């Protein structure tokens, strides 16, 4: 779902949780309601400039559970960086893999990108393990893409493990429904539209 101020209070509460805020390296000011409203304004402007594509992740009850973003879109190289955070109450429920599958379908089939990079702080073992579970991701690609790694480390001010997903995708199935990458039988639902 596109970002909207109607989600601001819930998103602020989710991102303010110390497990999420600390993993993302955000300040209390950034995760406050005002900080969240500023983020929504920023991300809306970035989308209009076609620099980012960001969505609020909604669960089966249409409640916000996190954010997933394609950022630093380079239209010449057809690349971008992917960032995700999920609210602490929703960790371990499979939403990460579902959201990544949906956003990658958008990246490769709607935006016609060729490579999506996924970085995680070396100290964020939870994110690293989550990425290792994805069968279509190529792990530790920093040496293959040193300039891209340097760019994202500079913007995040963190040392990262740098993974990538290239098109054509191996071990990745096309969306099975017209509006979602997830089958109807799935016990999960993550809406990004």
N, C-alpha and C. Protein backbone atom coordinates (compact mmCIF):
# COMPACT_ATOMS: atom_id res chain seq x y z
N UNK A 1 0.85 -1.16 0.00
CA UNK A 1 0.00 0.00 0.00
C UNK A 1 0.90 1.24 0.00
N UNK A 2 0.62 2.23 -0.82
CA UNK A 2 1.43 3.46 -0.79
C UNK A 2 1.38 4.09 0.61
N UNK A 3 2.42 4.81 0.94
CA UNK A 3 2.48 5.49 2.23
C UNK A 3 1.36 6.52 2.32
N UNK A 4 0.80 6.65 3.52
CA UNK A 4 -0.28 7.61 3.75
C UNK A 4 -0.27 7.99 5.23
N UNK A 5 -0.66 9.22 5.50
CA UNK A 5 -0.66 9.70 6.88
C UNK A 5 -1.59 8.88 7.78
N UNK A 6 -2.59 8.20 7.21
CA UNK A 6 -3.49 7.40 8.05
C UNK A 6 -2.76 6.25 8.74
N UNK A 7 -1.59 5.87 8.23
CA UNK A 7 -0.80 4.80 8.86
C UNK A 7 0.26 5.34 9.82
N UNK A 8 0.39 6.64 9.93
CA UNK A 8 1.52 7.25 10.66
C UNK A 8 1.61 6.81 12.12
N UNK A 9 0.50 6.84 12.84
CA UNK A 9 0.55 6.47 14.26
C UNK A 9 0.98 5.02 14.45
N UNK A 10 0.39 4.11 13.66
CA UNK A 10 0.75 2.69 13.79
C UNK A 10 2.20 2.46 13.37
N UNK A 11 2.64 3.11 12.30
CA UNK A 11 4.02 2.93 11.84
C UNK A 11 5.00 3.50 12.86
N UNK A 12 4.65 4.63 13.47
CA UNK A 12 5.50 5.21 14.50
C UNK A 12 5.63 4.26 15.68
N UNK A 13 4.52 3.68 16.11
CA UNK A 13 4.55 2.75 17.24
C UNK A 13 5.39 1.52 16.91
N UNK A 14 5.25 0.98 15.72
CA UNK A 14 6.02 -0.20 15.33
C UNK A 14 7.51 0.10 15.23
N UNK A 15 7.85 1.23 14.61
CA UNK A 15 9.28 1.55 14.42
C UNK A 15 9.92 2.05 15.71
N UNK A 16 9.14 2.49 16.67
CA UNK A 16 9.67 2.96 17.96
C UNK A 16 10.08 1.83 18.88
N UNK A 17 9.62 0.63 18.59
CA UNK A 17 10.00 -0.51 19.41
C UNK A 17 11.53 -0.63 19.39
N UNK A 18 12.19 -0.76 20.54
CA UNK A 18 13.66 -0.79 20.57
C UNK A 18 14.29 -1.84 19.66
N UNK A 19 13.66 -3.01 19.53
CA UNK A 19 14.24 -4.04 18.65
C UNK A 19 14.29 -3.57 17.20
N UNK A 20 13.27 -2.85 16.77
CA UNK A 20 13.22 -2.35 15.39
C UNK A 20 14.08 -1.10 15.26
N UNK A 21 13.85 -0.13 16.14
CA UNK A 21 14.57 1.15 16.07
C UNK A 21 16.08 0.93 16.12
N UNK A 22 16.54 0.09 17.04
CA UNK A 22 17.98 -0.14 17.19
C UNK A 22 18.56 -0.89 15.99
N UNK A 23 17.81 -1.87 15.46
CA UNK A 23 18.29 -2.61 14.29
C UNK A 23 18.44 -1.68 13.09
N UNK A 24 17.55 -0.69 12.99
CA UNK A 24 17.59 0.25 11.87
C UNK A 24 18.55 1.42 12.11
N UNK A 25 18.97 1.59 13.36
CA UNK A 25 19.85 2.70 13.68
C UNK A 25 19.13 4.03 13.67
N UNK A 26 17.84 4.02 14.02
CA UNK A 26 17.04 5.24 14.03
C UNK A 26 17.01 5.85 15.42
N UNK A 27 16.81 7.15 15.47
CA UNK A 27 16.69 7.85 16.76
C UNK A 27 15.22 7.87 17.18
N UNK A 28 15.00 8.18 18.44
CA UNK A 28 13.62 8.32 18.93
C UNK A 28 12.89 9.43 18.18
N UNK A 29 13.62 10.49 17.84
CA UNK A 29 13.03 11.59 17.08
C UNK A 29 12.55 11.11 15.71
N UNK A 30 13.34 10.26 15.06
CA UNK A 30 13.00 9.77 13.73
C UNK A 30 11.78 8.85 13.76
N UNK A 31 11.60 8.11 14.86
CA UNK A 31 10.48 7.17 14.95
C UNK A 31 9.26 7.77 15.65
N UNK A 32 9.38 9.02 16.07
CA UNK A 32 8.24 9.71 16.68
C UNK A 32 7.15 9.90 15.64
N UNK A 33 5.97 10.30 16.07
CA UNK A 33 4.89 10.56 15.12
C UNK A 33 5.31 11.64 14.12
N UNK A 34 5.92 12.71 14.60
CA UNK A 34 6.37 13.78 13.70
C UNK A 34 7.45 13.27 12.75
N UNK A 35 8.37 12.47 13.26
CA UNK A 35 9.41 11.89 12.40
C UNK A 35 8.82 10.97 11.33
N UNK A 36 7.80 10.21 11.71
CA UNK A 36 7.14 9.31 10.75
C UNK A 36 6.40 10.12 9.69
N UNK A 37 5.74 11.19 10.10
CA UNK A 37 5.06 12.06 9.12
C UNK A 37 6.07 12.68 8.16
N UNK A 38 7.24 13.08 8.68
CA UNK A 38 8.29 13.62 7.81
C UNK A 38 8.78 12.56 6.83
N UNK A 39 8.91 11.31 7.29
CA UNK A 39 9.32 10.22 6.41
C UNK A 39 8.29 10.02 5.30
N UNK A 40 7.02 10.04 5.65
CA UNK A 40 5.97 9.85 4.64
C UNK A 40 6.04 10.94 3.58
N UNK A 41 6.26 12.18 4.00
CA UNK A 41 6.41 13.28 3.04
C UNK A 41 7.63 13.05 2.16
N UNK A 42 8.75 12.70 2.78
CA UNK A 42 9.99 12.46 2.04
C UNK A 42 9.81 11.34 1.02
N UNK A 43 9.26 10.21 1.45
CA UNK A 43 9.17 9.05 0.56
C UNK A 43 8.19 9.33 -0.59
N UNK A 44 7.16 10.09 -0.33
CA UNK A 44 6.20 10.47 -1.38
C UNK A 44 6.90 11.32 -2.44
N UNK A 45 7.71 12.28 -1.99
CA UNK A 45 8.46 13.13 -2.93
C UNK A 45 9.48 12.30 -3.71
N UNK A 46 10.14 11.37 -3.05
CA UNK A 46 11.13 10.52 -3.73
C UNK A 46 10.47 9.65 -4.79
N UNK A 47 9.28 9.15 -4.51
CA UNK A 47 8.56 8.34 -5.51
C UNK A 47 8.17 9.18 -6.71
N UNK A 48 7.75 10.41 -6.46
CA UNK A 48 7.40 11.30 -7.58
C UNK A 48 8.60 11.55 -8.48
N UNK A 49 9.80 11.57 -7.89
CA UNK A 49 11.04 11.77 -8.65
C UNK A 49 11.58 10.45 -9.21
N UNK A 50 10.89 9.35 -8.94
CA UNK A 50 11.26 8.02 -9.40
C UNK A 50 12.61 7.55 -8.86
N UNK A 51 12.95 7.99 -7.65
CA UNK A 51 14.18 7.55 -6.99
C UNK A 51 13.94 6.37 -6.07
N UNK A 52 12.70 6.24 -5.61
CA UNK A 52 12.36 5.17 -4.68
C UNK A 52 10.96 4.65 -5.00
N UNK A 53 10.72 3.43 -4.56
CA UNK A 53 9.40 2.81 -4.65
C UNK A 53 9.20 2.14 -3.30
N UNK A 54 8.35 2.70 -2.46
CA UNK A 54 8.21 2.22 -1.10
C UNK A 54 6.76 1.91 -0.79
N UNK A 55 6.54 0.85 -0.03
CA UNK A 55 5.19 0.43 0.31
C UNK A 55 5.08 0.07 1.79
N UNK A 56 3.92 0.39 2.34
CA UNK A 56 3.56 -0.06 3.68
C UNK A 56 3.08 -1.50 3.52
N UNK A 57 3.59 -2.38 4.35
CA UNK A 57 3.16 -3.78 4.32
C UNK A 57 1.95 -3.92 5.23
N UNK A 58 0.88 -4.51 4.70
CA UNK A 58 -0.34 -4.73 5.47
C UNK A 58 -0.55 -6.23 5.67
N UNK A 59 -1.06 -6.60 6.83
CA UNK A 59 -1.34 -8.02 7.08
C UNK A 59 -2.73 -8.37 6.56
N UNK A 60 -3.18 -9.57 6.87
CA UNK A 60 -4.48 -10.05 6.38
C UNK A 60 -5.65 -9.22 6.90
N UNK A 61 -5.45 -8.47 7.98
CA UNK A 61 -6.49 -7.59 8.52
C UNK A 61 -6.36 -6.16 8.00
N UNK A 62 -5.44 -5.96 7.07
CA UNK A 62 -5.15 -4.64 6.48
C UNK A 62 -4.54 -3.68 7.49
N UNK A 63 -3.87 -4.23 8.50
CA UNK A 63 -3.15 -3.42 9.48
C UNK A 63 -1.69 -3.33 9.06
N UNK A 64 -1.06 -2.16 9.23
CA UNK A 64 0.36 -2.01 8.88
C UNK A 64 1.24 -2.91 9.75
N UNK A 65 2.23 -3.53 9.11
CA UNK A 65 3.18 -4.38 9.84
C UNK A 65 4.62 -3.99 9.56
N UNK A 66 4.87 -3.14 8.58
CA UNK A 66 6.24 -2.75 8.26
C UNK A 66 6.31 -1.98 6.96
N UNK A 67 7.53 -1.82 6.47
CA UNK A 67 7.80 -1.06 5.25
C UNK A 67 8.82 -1.82 4.42
N UNK A 68 8.63 -1.80 3.12
CA UNK A 68 9.62 -2.35 2.19
C UNK A 68 9.83 -1.32 1.08
N UNK A 69 11.10 -1.10 0.74
CA UNK A 69 11.44 -0.01 -0.18
C UNK A 69 12.48 -0.46 -1.20
N UNK A 70 12.27 -0.05 -2.43
CA UNK A 70 13.30 -0.09 -3.46
C UNK A 70 13.85 1.32 -3.51
N UNK A 71 15.12 1.49 -3.13
CA UNK A 71 15.68 2.84 -3.03
C UNK A 71 16.94 2.96 -3.87
N UNK A 72 17.39 4.20 -4.03
CA UNK A 72 18.57 4.48 -4.85
C UNK A 72 18.44 3.85 -6.23
N UNK A 73 17.27 4.02 -6.84
CA UNK A 73 17.04 3.45 -8.17
C UNK A 73 17.97 4.14 -9.16
N UNK A 74 18.75 3.34 -9.87
CA UNK A 74 19.64 3.84 -10.92
C UNK A 74 19.07 3.35 -12.25
N UNK A 75 18.38 4.24 -12.94
CA UNK A 75 17.70 3.86 -14.18
C UNK A 75 18.67 3.55 -15.30
N UNK A 76 19.89 4.09 -15.25
CA UNK A 76 20.89 3.77 -16.28
C UNK A 76 21.42 2.35 -16.12
N UNK A 77 21.77 1.98 -14.88
CA UNK A 77 22.29 0.64 -14.63
C UNK A 77 21.18 -0.38 -14.38
N UNK A 78 19.94 0.11 -14.21
CA UNK A 78 18.76 -0.74 -13.94
C UNK A 78 18.93 -1.50 -12.62
N UNK A 79 19.42 -0.78 -11.58
CA UNK A 79 19.64 -1.37 -10.27
C UNK A 79 18.95 -0.55 -9.19
N UNK A 80 18.83 -1.15 -8.02
CA UNK A 80 18.34 -0.43 -6.84
C UNK A 80 18.77 -1.22 -5.60
N UNK A 81 18.52 -0.62 -4.46
CA UNK A 81 18.76 -1.26 -3.17
C UNK A 81 17.41 -1.50 -2.51
N UNK A 82 17.29 -2.63 -1.84
CA UNK A 82 16.05 -2.99 -1.18
C UNK A 82 16.24 -2.89 0.33
N UNK A 83 15.29 -2.26 0.99
CA UNK A 83 15.31 -2.17 2.44
C UNK A 83 13.96 -2.59 3.01
N UNK A 84 13.99 -3.28 4.13
CA UNK A 84 12.77 -3.78 4.74
C UNK A 84 12.86 -3.65 6.24
N UNK A 85 11.78 -3.29 6.87
CA UNK A 85 11.67 -3.48 8.31
C UNK A 85 10.25 -3.95 8.63
N UNK A 86 10.19 -4.81 9.62
CA UNK A 86 8.92 -5.38 10.04
C UNK A 86 8.78 -5.14 11.54
N UNK A 87 7.57 -4.75 11.97
CA UNK A 87 7.32 -4.51 13.38
C UNK A 87 7.58 -5.76 14.22
N UNK A 88 8.13 -5.55 15.39
CA UNK A 88 8.53 -6.66 16.27
C UNK A 88 7.43 -7.71 16.50
N UNK A 89 6.16 -7.31 16.72
CA UNK A 89 5.13 -8.33 16.94
C UNK A 89 4.93 -9.27 15.75
N UNK A 90 5.46 -8.89 14.58
CA UNK A 90 5.24 -9.68 13.37
C UNK A 90 6.48 -10.47 12.94
N UNK A 91 7.54 -10.41 13.72
CA UNK A 91 8.76 -11.16 13.41
C UNK A 91 8.47 -12.66 13.48
N UNK A 92 9.14 -13.39 12.59
CA UNK A 92 9.07 -14.85 12.62
C UNK A 92 7.80 -15.44 12.06
N UNK A 93 7.02 -14.67 11.36
CA UNK A 93 5.75 -15.16 10.82
C UNK A 93 5.78 -15.36 9.30
N UNK A 94 6.93 -15.15 8.67
CA UNK A 94 7.05 -15.36 7.23
C UNK A 94 6.75 -14.15 6.38
N UNK A 95 6.47 -13.02 6.99
CA UNK A 95 6.13 -11.83 6.22
C UNK A 95 7.31 -11.30 5.40
N UNK A 96 8.53 -11.45 5.89
CA UNK A 96 9.70 -10.95 5.17
C UNK A 96 9.81 -11.59 3.79
N UNK A 97 9.75 -12.91 3.74
CA UNK A 97 9.88 -13.61 2.46
C UNK A 97 8.73 -13.23 1.52
N UNK A 98 7.52 -13.12 2.06
CA UNK A 98 6.37 -12.76 1.23
C UNK A 98 6.50 -11.35 0.67
N UNK A 99 6.91 -10.41 1.50
CA UNK A 99 7.05 -9.03 1.05
C UNK A 99 8.16 -8.90 0.02
N UNK A 100 9.27 -9.59 0.24
CA UNK A 100 10.37 -9.52 -0.72
C UNK A 100 9.96 -10.11 -2.06
N UNK A 101 9.20 -11.19 -2.05
CA UNK A 101 8.74 -11.77 -3.30
C UNK A 101 7.86 -10.78 -4.06
N UNK A 102 6.99 -10.10 -3.35
CA UNK A 102 6.10 -9.13 -3.98
C UNK A 102 6.89 -7.94 -4.54
N UNK A 103 7.80 -7.39 -3.76
CA UNK A 103 8.54 -6.20 -4.21
C UNK A 103 9.51 -6.56 -5.35
N UNK A 104 10.05 -7.77 -5.34
CA UNK A 104 10.93 -8.19 -6.44
C UNK A 104 10.14 -8.37 -7.73
N UNK A 105 8.91 -8.85 -7.62
CA UNK A 105 8.06 -8.95 -8.81
C UNK A 105 7.83 -7.55 -9.39
N UNK A 106 7.61 -6.58 -8.53
CA UNK A 106 7.45 -5.19 -8.98
C UNK A 106 8.74 -4.68 -9.61
N UNK A 107 9.87 -4.92 -8.93
CA UNK A 107 11.16 -4.44 -9.42
C UNK A 107 11.48 -4.97 -10.81
N UNK A 108 11.30 -6.28 -11.01
CA UNK A 108 11.72 -6.89 -12.26
C UNK A 108 10.66 -6.85 -13.36
N UNK A 109 9.39 -6.95 -13.00
CA UNK A 109 8.36 -7.06 -14.03
C UNK A 109 7.60 -5.76 -14.27
N UNK A 110 7.57 -4.86 -13.31
CA UNK A 110 6.90 -3.57 -13.51
C UNK A 110 7.91 -2.47 -13.81
N UNK A 111 8.99 -2.42 -13.04
CA UNK A 111 9.98 -1.35 -13.20
C UNK A 111 11.11 -1.73 -14.16
N UNK A 112 11.19 -2.99 -14.56
CA UNK A 112 12.18 -3.48 -15.51
C UNK A 112 13.62 -3.29 -15.01
N UNK A 113 13.83 -3.49 -13.72
CA UNK A 113 15.19 -3.43 -13.17
C UNK A 113 15.87 -4.78 -13.41
N UNK A 114 17.20 -4.80 -13.31
CA UNK A 114 17.96 -6.02 -13.59
C UNK A 114 18.64 -6.59 -12.35
N UNK A 115 19.00 -5.73 -11.39
CA UNK A 115 19.64 -6.19 -10.16
C UNK A 115 19.06 -5.41 -8.99
N UNK A 116 18.72 -6.15 -7.93
CA UNK A 116 18.27 -5.54 -6.68
C UNK A 116 19.27 -5.96 -5.61
N UNK A 117 19.87 -4.97 -4.95
CA UNK A 117 20.82 -5.25 -3.88
C UNK A 117 20.11 -5.24 -2.54
N UNK A 118 20.54 -6.12 -1.67
CA UNK A 118 20.00 -6.18 -0.31
C UNK A 118 21.17 -6.20 0.65
N UNK A 119 21.30 -5.14 1.41
CA UNK A 119 22.38 -5.06 2.39
C UNK A 119 21.84 -5.23 3.79
N UNK A 120 22.66 -5.78 4.66
CA UNK A 120 22.31 -5.89 6.08
C UNK A 120 23.57 -5.61 6.88
N UNK A 121 23.39 -4.88 7.99
CA UNK A 121 24.53 -4.60 8.85
C UNK A 121 25.14 -5.93 9.31
N UNK A 122 26.46 -5.97 9.36
CA UNK A 122 27.13 -7.21 9.79
C UNK A 122 26.71 -7.63 11.18
N UNK A 123 26.27 -6.66 11.99
CA UNK A 123 25.84 -6.96 13.36
C UNK A 123 24.38 -7.38 13.45
N UNK A 124 23.64 -7.27 12.35
CA UNK A 124 22.22 -7.61 12.35
C UNK A 124 22.04 -9.06 11.90
N UNK A 125 22.34 -9.97 12.80
CA UNK A 125 22.29 -11.40 12.46
C UNK A 125 20.89 -11.85 12.06
N UNK A 126 19.87 -11.25 12.62
CA UNK A 126 18.50 -11.64 12.28
C UNK A 126 18.22 -11.36 10.79
N UNK A 127 18.61 -10.19 10.32
CA UNK A 127 18.41 -9.85 8.90
C UNK A 127 19.26 -10.74 7.99
N UNK A 128 20.50 -10.98 8.42
CA UNK A 128 21.38 -11.83 7.62
C UNK A 128 20.80 -13.23 7.47
N UNK A 129 20.30 -13.79 8.55
CA UNK A 129 19.70 -15.13 8.50
C UNK A 129 18.43 -15.14 7.65
N UNK A 130 17.65 -14.07 7.73
CA UNK A 130 16.43 -13.98 6.92
C UNK A 130 16.78 -13.97 5.43
N UNK A 131 17.84 -13.25 5.05
CA UNK A 131 18.25 -13.22 3.64
C UNK A 131 18.81 -14.56 3.19
N UNK A 132 19.50 -15.25 4.07
CA UNK A 132 20.06 -16.56 3.72
C UNK A 132 18.96 -17.57 3.38
N UNK A 133 17.78 -17.39 3.93
CA UNK A 133 16.66 -18.31 3.70
C UNK A 133 16.04 -18.15 2.32
N UNK A 134 16.29 -17.02 1.65
CA UNK A 134 15.66 -16.76 0.37
C UNK A 134 16.43 -17.49 -0.73
N UNK A 135 15.80 -18.44 -1.42
CA UNK A 135 16.53 -19.30 -2.37
C UNK A 135 17.05 -18.58 -3.60
N UNK A 136 16.52 -17.42 -3.92
CA UNK A 136 16.89 -16.72 -5.14
C UNK A 136 17.93 -15.62 -4.91
N UNK A 137 18.41 -15.46 -3.69
CA UNK A 137 19.35 -14.38 -3.38
C UNK A 137 20.79 -14.89 -3.49
N UNK A 138 21.66 -14.08 -4.05
CA UNK A 138 23.10 -14.41 -4.12
C UNK A 138 23.77 -13.68 -2.97
N UNK A 139 24.41 -14.42 -2.10
CA UNK A 139 24.97 -13.88 -0.87
C UNK A 139 26.37 -13.30 -1.05
N UNK A 140 26.66 -12.29 -0.24
CA UNK A 140 27.98 -11.68 -0.11
C UNK A 140 28.59 -11.29 -1.45
N UNK A 141 27.96 -10.35 -2.13
CA UNK A 141 28.38 -9.91 -3.47
C UNK A 141 29.15 -8.59 -3.46
N UNK A 142 29.65 -8.17 -2.32
CA UNK A 142 30.37 -6.91 -2.21
C UNK A 142 31.59 -6.82 -3.11
N UNK A 143 32.31 -7.92 -3.28
CA UNK A 143 33.50 -7.91 -4.14
C UNK A 143 33.13 -7.79 -5.61
N UNK A 144 31.97 -8.31 -5.97
CA UNK A 144 31.51 -8.24 -7.37
C UNK A 144 30.97 -6.85 -7.71
N UNK A 145 30.44 -6.14 -6.69
CA UNK A 145 29.86 -4.82 -6.90
C UNK A 145 30.43 -3.83 -5.87
N UNK A 146 31.75 -3.58 -5.91
CA UNK A 146 32.36 -2.74 -4.86
C UNK A 146 31.85 -1.30 -4.84
N UNK A 147 31.57 -0.71 -6.00
CA UNK A 147 31.08 0.66 -6.03
C UNK A 147 29.69 0.79 -5.41
N UNK A 148 28.84 -0.19 -5.70
CA UNK A 148 27.50 -0.18 -5.13
C UNK A 148 27.54 -0.39 -3.62
N UNK A 149 28.42 -1.29 -3.18
CA UNK A 149 28.59 -1.52 -1.74
C UNK A 149 29.08 -0.25 -1.05
N UNK A 150 30.05 0.40 -1.65
CA UNK A 150 30.60 1.64 -1.08
C UNK A 150 29.51 2.72 -0.97
N UNK A 151 28.68 2.82 -2.00
CA UNK A 151 27.61 3.83 -2.01
C UNK A 151 26.62 3.58 -0.88
N UNK A 152 26.17 2.35 -0.72
CA UNK A 152 25.16 2.08 0.30
C UNK A 152 25.76 2.14 1.71
N UNK A 153 27.01 1.75 1.86
CA UNK A 153 27.65 1.87 3.17
C UNK A 153 27.84 3.33 3.55
N UNK A 154 28.15 4.16 2.57
CA UNK A 154 28.32 5.60 2.84
C UNK A 154 26.99 6.22 3.27
N UNK A 155 25.91 5.85 2.60
CA UNK A 155 24.61 6.44 2.96
C UNK A 155 24.08 5.89 4.27
N UNK A 156 24.40 4.65 4.60
CA UNK A 156 23.90 4.07 5.85
C UNK A 156 24.87 4.26 7.02
N UNK A 157 26.11 4.62 6.69
CA UNK A 157 27.17 4.80 7.70
C UNK A 157 27.39 3.53 8.52
N UNK A 158 27.22 2.38 7.88
CA UNK A 158 27.39 1.07 8.52
C UNK A 158 28.17 0.15 7.59
N UNK A 159 28.87 -0.82 8.18
CA UNK A 159 29.51 -1.87 7.40
C UNK A 159 28.47 -2.95 7.13
N UNK A 160 28.33 -3.32 5.86
CA UNK A 160 27.25 -4.22 5.46
C UNK A 160 27.77 -5.51 4.84
N UNK A 161 26.92 -6.53 4.91
CA UNK A 161 27.05 -7.70 4.06
C UNK A 161 26.13 -7.39 2.89
N UNK A 162 26.65 -7.54 1.68
CA UNK A 162 25.97 -7.06 0.49
C UNK A 162 25.55 -8.23 -0.38
N UNK A 163 24.23 -8.44 -0.50
CA UNK A 163 23.69 -9.53 -1.29
C UNK A 163 23.01 -8.95 -2.53
N UNK A 164 22.66 -9.82 -3.48
CA UNK A 164 21.99 -9.32 -4.68
C UNK A 164 21.01 -10.34 -5.22
N UNK A 165 20.06 -9.83 -5.99
CA UNK A 165 19.12 -10.66 -6.73
C UNK A 165 19.19 -10.16 -8.16
N UNK A 166 19.51 -11.05 -9.10
CA UNK A 166 19.63 -10.66 -10.50
C UNK A 166 18.48 -11.23 -11.31
N UNK A 167 18.09 -10.49 -12.34
CA UNK A 167 17.12 -10.97 -13.30
C UNK A 167 17.88 -11.53 -14.49
N UNK A 168 17.57 -12.66 -15.08
CA UNK A 168 16.41 -13.48 -14.74
C UNK A 168 16.62 -14.22 -13.41
N UNK A 169 15.57 -14.31 -12.69
CA UNK A 169 15.63 -14.92 -11.37
C UNK A 169 15.63 -16.44 -11.46
N UNK A 170 16.45 -17.04 -10.63
CA UNK A 170 16.43 -18.49 -10.48
C UNK A 170 15.69 -18.79 -9.19
N UNK A 171 14.94 -19.85 -9.18
CA UNK A 171 14.19 -20.27 -7.99
C UNK A 171 13.19 -19.21 -7.53
N UNK A 172 12.64 -18.47 -8.47
CA UNK A 172 11.64 -17.45 -8.15
C UNK A 172 10.47 -17.66 -9.08
N UNK A 173 9.29 -17.78 -8.53
CA UNK A 173 8.11 -17.99 -9.35
C UNK A 173 7.38 -16.68 -9.56
N UNK A 174 6.83 -16.52 -10.75
CA UNK A 174 6.03 -15.35 -11.05
C UNK A 174 4.82 -15.28 -10.13
N UNK A 175 4.31 -14.08 -9.92
CA UNK A 175 3.09 -13.96 -9.12
C UNK A 175 1.99 -14.86 -9.67
N UNK A 176 1.26 -15.51 -8.75
CA UNK A 176 0.23 -16.45 -9.16
C UNK A 176 -1.15 -15.83 -9.27
N UNK A 177 -1.29 -14.63 -8.75
CA UNK A 177 -2.56 -13.93 -8.84
C UNK A 177 -2.32 -12.62 -9.56
N UNK A 178 -3.37 -12.06 -10.09
CA UNK A 178 -3.25 -10.82 -10.85
C UNK A 178 -2.69 -9.68 -10.01
N UNK A 179 -3.12 -9.54 -8.75
CA UNK A 179 -2.72 -8.41 -7.93
C UNK A 179 -1.75 -8.76 -6.81
N UNK A 180 -1.26 -9.96 -6.77
CA UNK A 180 -0.38 -10.32 -5.66
C UNK A 180 0.59 -11.41 -6.09
N UNK A 181 1.74 -11.46 -5.43
CA UNK A 181 2.71 -12.51 -5.70
C UNK A 181 2.41 -13.75 -4.87
N UNK A 182 1.33 -13.75 -4.13
CA UNK A 182 1.07 -14.84 -3.21
C UNK A 182 -0.15 -15.65 -3.62
N UNK A 183 -0.09 -16.96 -3.47
CA UNK A 183 -1.23 -17.80 -3.83
C UNK A 183 -2.39 -17.60 -2.86
N UNK A 184 -3.60 -17.84 -3.33
CA UNK A 184 -4.79 -17.70 -2.48
C UNK A 184 -4.72 -18.65 -1.29
N UNK A 185 -4.09 -19.79 -1.43
CA UNK A 185 -4.03 -20.77 -0.35
C UNK A 185 -3.13 -20.33 0.80
N UNK A 186 -2.33 -19.32 0.57
CA UNK A 186 -1.37 -18.89 1.58
C UNK A 186 -2.08 -18.51 2.88
N UNK A 187 -1.46 -18.89 4.01
CA UNK A 187 -2.01 -18.52 5.30
C UNK A 187 -1.59 -17.10 5.66
N UNK A 188 -0.76 -16.48 4.84
CA UNK A 188 -0.31 -15.12 5.04
C UNK A 188 -0.88 -14.24 3.96
N UNK A 189 -0.88 -12.97 4.24
CA UNK A 189 -1.23 -12.00 3.22
C UNK A 189 -0.41 -10.76 3.50
N UNK A 190 0.28 -10.29 2.52
CA UNK A 190 0.97 -9.01 2.64
C UNK A 190 0.59 -8.21 1.42
N UNK A 191 -0.07 -7.11 1.64
CA UNK A 191 -0.47 -6.26 0.53
C UNK A 191 0.48 -5.08 0.43
N UNK A 192 1.00 -4.85 -0.76
CA UNK A 192 1.88 -3.72 -1.01
C UNK A 192 1.21 -2.69 -1.91
N UNK A 193 0.04 -3.01 -2.47
CA UNK A 193 -0.58 -2.11 -3.44
C UNK A 193 -1.68 -1.29 -2.83
